[in-house]
C-alpha atoms as a PDB file:
ATOM      1  CA  MET A   1     -11.144 -20.205  -8.373  1.00  0.00           C
ATOM      2  CA  PRO A   2     -10.921 -18.171  -5.193  1.00  0.00           C
ATOM      3  CA  ILE A   3      -8.325 -18.015  -2.494  1.00  0.00           C
ATOM      4  CA  TYR A   4      -9.815 -18.087   0.990  1.00  0.00           C
ATOM      5  CA  GLU A   5      -8.285 -17.022   4.282  1.00  0.00           C
ATOM      6  CA  TYR A   6      -8.598 -18.950   7.523  1.00  0.00           C
ATOM      7  CA  ARG A   7      -7.655 -18.051  11.103  1.00  0.00           C
ATOM      8  CA  CYS A   8      -6.216 -20.666  13.427  1.00  0.00           C
ATOM      9  CA  PRO A   9      -7.950 -20.720  16.837  1.00  0.00           C
ATOM     10  CA  SER A  10      -4.771 -22.016  18.510  1.00  0.00           C
ATOM     11  CA  CYS A  11      -2.039 -19.652  17.291  1.00  0.00           C
ATOM     12  CA  ARG A  12      -4.227 -16.959  15.624  1.00  0.00           C
ATOM     13  CA  ALA A  13      -2.214 -17.213  12.374  1.00  0.00           C
ATOM     14  CA  ILE A  14      -3.914 -16.391   9.088  1.00  0.00           C
ATOM     15  CA  ASN A  15      -3.623 -19.115   6.444  1.00  0.00           C
ATOM     16  CA  GLU A  16      -4.576 -18.970   2.776  1.00  0.00           C
ATOM     17  CA  ALA A  17      -6.077 -21.831   0.794  1.00  0.00           C
ATOM     18  CA  PHE A  18      -6.894 -22.094  -2.899  1.00  0.00           C
ATOM     19  CA  HIS A  19     -10.123 -23.977  -3.707  1.00  0.00           C
ATOM     20  CA  ARG A  20     -11.361 -24.903  -7.162  1.00  0.00           C
ATOM     21  CA  SER A  21     -14.894 -25.029  -5.805  1.00  0.00           C
ATOM     22  CA  LEU A  22     -16.370 -23.878  -2.513  1.00  0.00           C
ATOM     23  CA  GLU A  23     -18.689 -26.922  -2.500  1.00  0.00           C
ATOM     24  CA  HIS A  24     -15.771 -29.290  -1.894  1.00  0.00           C
ATOM     25  CA  ALA A  25     -13.612 -26.908   0.146  1.00  0.00           C
ATOM     26  CA  LYS A  26     -12.226 -28.192   3.424  1.00  0.00           C
ATOM     27  CA  ALA A  27     -10.513 -25.999   5.971  1.00  0.00           C
ATOM     28  CA  PRO A  28      -6.784 -26.734   5.792  1.00  0.00           C
ATOM     29  CA  ALA A  29      -4.521 -27.486   8.729  1.00  0.00           C
ATOM     30  CA  CYS A  30      -2.651 -24.484  10.122  1.00  0.00           C
ATOM     31  CA  GLU A  31       0.683 -23.920   8.392  1.00  0.00           C
ATOM     32  CA  GLN A  32       2.180 -22.514  11.618  1.00  0.00           C
ATOM     33  CA  CYS A  33       1.144 -25.004  14.299  1.00  0.00           C
ATOM     34  CA  GLY A  34      -0.595 -27.823  12.385  1.00  0.00           C
ATOM     35  CA  SER A  35      -3.870 -27.359  14.270  1.00  0.00           C
ATOM     36  CA  ASP A  36      -7.195 -28.340  12.700  1.00  0.00           C
ATOM     37  CA  GLY A  37     -10.423 -26.388  13.005  1.00  0.00           C
ATOM     38  CA  LEU A  38      -9.452 -23.236  11.145  1.00  0.00           C
ATOM     39  CA  ARG A  39     -12.285 -20.746  10.645  1.00  0.00           C
ATOM     40  CA  ARG A  40     -12.821 -18.854   7.428  1.00  0.00           C
ATOM     41  CA  VAL A  41     -12.392 -15.082   7.772  1.00  0.00           C
ATOM     42  CA  VAL A  42     -13.424 -12.169   5.595  1.00  0.00           C
ATOM     43  CA  SER A  43     -10.458 -11.198   3.446  1.00  0.00           C
ATOM     44  CA  ARG A  44      -9.285  -7.619   3.087  1.00  0.00           C
ATOM     45  CA  PHE A  45      -9.796  -5.937  -0.231  1.00  0.00           C
ATOM     46  CA  ALA A  46      -8.786  -2.713  -1.905  1.00  0.00           C
ATOM     47  CA  THR A  47     -11.033  -0.060  -3.343  1.00  0.00           C
ATOM     48  CA  PRO A  48      -9.952   2.464  -5.938  1.00  0.00           C
ATOM     49  CA  LYS A  49      -9.856   6.121  -4.938  1.00  0.00           C
ATOM     50  CA  THR A  50     -11.861   8.765  -6.686  1.00  0.00           C
ATOM     51  CA  GLU A  51     -10.058  11.749  -8.168  1.00  0.00           C
ATOM     52  CA  SER A  52     -11.337  13.956  -5.337  1.00  0.00           C
ATOM     53  CA  GLN A  53      -9.980  11.500  -2.735  1.00  0.00           C
ATOM     54  CA  VAL A  54      -6.570  11.512  -4.435  1.00  0.00           C
ATOM     55  CA  LEU A  55      -6.534  15.311  -4.517  1.00  0.00           C
ATOM     56  CA  GLU A  56      -7.562  15.454  -0.862  1.00  0.00           C
ATOM     57  CA  GLN A  57      -4.828  13.041   0.194  1.00  0.00           C
ATOM     58  CA  TYR A  58      -1.957  14.184  -2.037  1.00  0.00           C
ATOM     59  CA  GLY A  59      -2.883  17.697  -3.082  1.00  0.00           C
ATOM     60  CA  SER A  60      -2.922  19.136  -6.550  1.00  0.00           C
ATOM     61  CA  PRO A  61      -0.017  17.987  -8.751  1.00  0.00           C
ATOM     62  CA  GLY A  62       0.522  21.528  -9.956  1.00  0.00           C
ATOM     63  CA  PRO A  63       0.030  23.337 -13.241  1.00  0.00           C
ATOM     64  CA  GLY A  64       0.712  21.431 -16.443  1.00  0.00           C
ATOM     65  CA  ALA A  65       0.818  18.016 -14.732  1.00  0.00           C
ATOM     66  CA  GLY A  66      -0.410  15.122 -16.819  1.00  0.00           C
ATOM     67  CA  PRO A  67      -2.803  12.310 -15.858  1.00  0.00           C
ATOM     68  CA  ASP A  68       0.070  10.194 -14.476  1.00  0.00           C
ATOM     69  CA  ALA A  69       1.266  12.916 -12.105  1.00  0.00           C
ATOM     70  CA  TYR A  70       0.570  10.854  -8.992  1.00  0.00           C
ATOM     71  CA  ARG A  71       2.652   7.978 -10.335  1.00  0.00           C
ATOM     72  CA  ASP A  72       5.584  10.355 -10.643  1.00  0.00           C
ATOM     73  CA  PRO A  73       8.133   9.602  -7.865  1.00  0.00           C
ATOM     74  CA  ARG A  74       8.666  13.340  -7.427  1.00  0.00           C
ATOM     75  CA  GLN A  75       5.173  13.513  -5.902  1.00  0.00           C
ATOM     76  CA  ILE A  76       6.502  11.606  -2.903  1.00  0.00           C
ATOM     77  CA  GLY A  77       8.189  14.859  -1.899  1.00  0.00           C
ATOM     78  CA  ARG A  78       4.861  16.698  -1.756  1.00  0.00           C
ATOM     79  CA  TRP A  79       3.399  13.883   0.344  1.00  0.00           C
ATOM     80  CA  ALA A  80       6.411  13.897   2.725  1.00  0.00           C
ATOM     81  CA  GLU A  81       6.244  17.665   3.149  1.00  0.00           C
ATOM     82  CA  GLN A  82       2.556  17.463   4.017  1.00  0.00           C
ATOM     83  CA  ARG A  83       3.106  14.685   6.574  1.00  0.00           C
ATOM     84  CA  PHE A  84       5.913  16.623   8.301  1.00  0.00           C
ATOM     85  CA  GLU A  85       3.706  19.721   8.383  1.00  0.00           C
ATOM     86  CA  GLU A  86       0.748  17.759   9.816  1.00  0.00           C
ATOM     87  CA  MET A  87       2.964  16.338  12.563  1.00  0.00           C
ATOM     88  CA  GLY A  88       4.392  19.752  13.363  1.00  0.00           C
ATOM     89  CA  VAL A  89       7.933  18.502  12.800  1.00  0.00           C
ATOM     90  CA  GLU A  90      10.559  20.311  10.761  1.00  0.00           C
ATOM     91  CA  MET A  91      11.719  18.350   7.750  1.00  0.00           C
ATOM     92  CA  PRO A  92      15.440  17.492   7.876  1.00  0.00           C
ATOM     93  CA  ALA A  93      17.522  19.669   5.544  1.00  0.00           C
ATOM     94  CA  GLU A  94      18.927  16.603   3.770  1.00  0.00           C
ATOM     95  CA  ALA A  95      15.409  15.373   2.921  1.00  0.00           C
ATOM     96  CA  LYS A  96      14.398  18.840   1.705  1.00  0.00           C
ATOM     97  CA  GLN A  97      17.471  18.938  -0.578  1.00  0.00           C
ATOM     98  CA  MET A  98      16.592  15.533  -2.061  1.00  0.00           C
ATOM     99  CA  ILE A  99      13.004  16.642  -2.710  1.00  0.00           C
ATOM    100  CA  ASP A 100      14.133  19.867  -4.373  1.00  0.00           C
ATOM    101  CA  ALA A 101      16.594  17.933  -6.542  1.00  0.00           C
ATOM    102  CA  ALA A 102      13.843  15.486  -7.576  1.00  0.00           C
ATOM    103  CA  ARG A 103      11.616  18.395  -8.579  1.00  0.00           C
ATOM    104  CA  ASP A 104      14.429  19.593 -10.827  1.00  0.00           C
ATOM    105  CA  GLY A 105      14.601  16.125 -12.425  1.00  0.00           C
ATOM    106  CA  ASP A 106      17.638  14.836 -10.528  1.00  0.00           C
ATOM    107  CA  LEU A 107      16.171  11.565  -9.215  1.00  0.00           C
ATOM    108  CA  PRO A 108      18.077   9.083  -7.025  1.00  0.00           C
ATOM    109  CA  ALA A 109      19.447   6.067  -8.938  1.00  0.00           C
ATOM    110  CA  PRO A 110      16.826   3.517  -7.779  1.00  0.00           C
ATOM    111  CA  VAL A 111      13.985   5.793  -8.891  1.00  0.00           C
ATOM    112  CA  LYS A 112      15.540   6.587 -12.277  1.00  0.00           C
ATOM    113  CA  ASP A 113      15.397   2.902 -13.206  1.00  0.00           C
ATOM    114  CA  LEU A 114      11.636   2.570 -12.656  1.00  0.00           C
END
């Protein structure tokens, strides 16, 4: 039972419609402007990353890191440091302090609860 996406030719809005069967599917009216004549579009989809792609994007998690290392909120610090370096911008001292604290296990309250 797929969900299909449609683009409105009048307002260019993307609309979603659930159809039990594609045989009997009718393009819905636009939810934004009420126009008829929506056209089905190819939906976006996600693809999983290989381990080498993850390592290339985020770097090595470091020695002794387990298989869930990239789910660890402390890895956000590594990612942020790399982005600042790539942009040639110095990381604010306050951000650096927060990253260092997270590496020591002192996570901000919202992250601790995850």
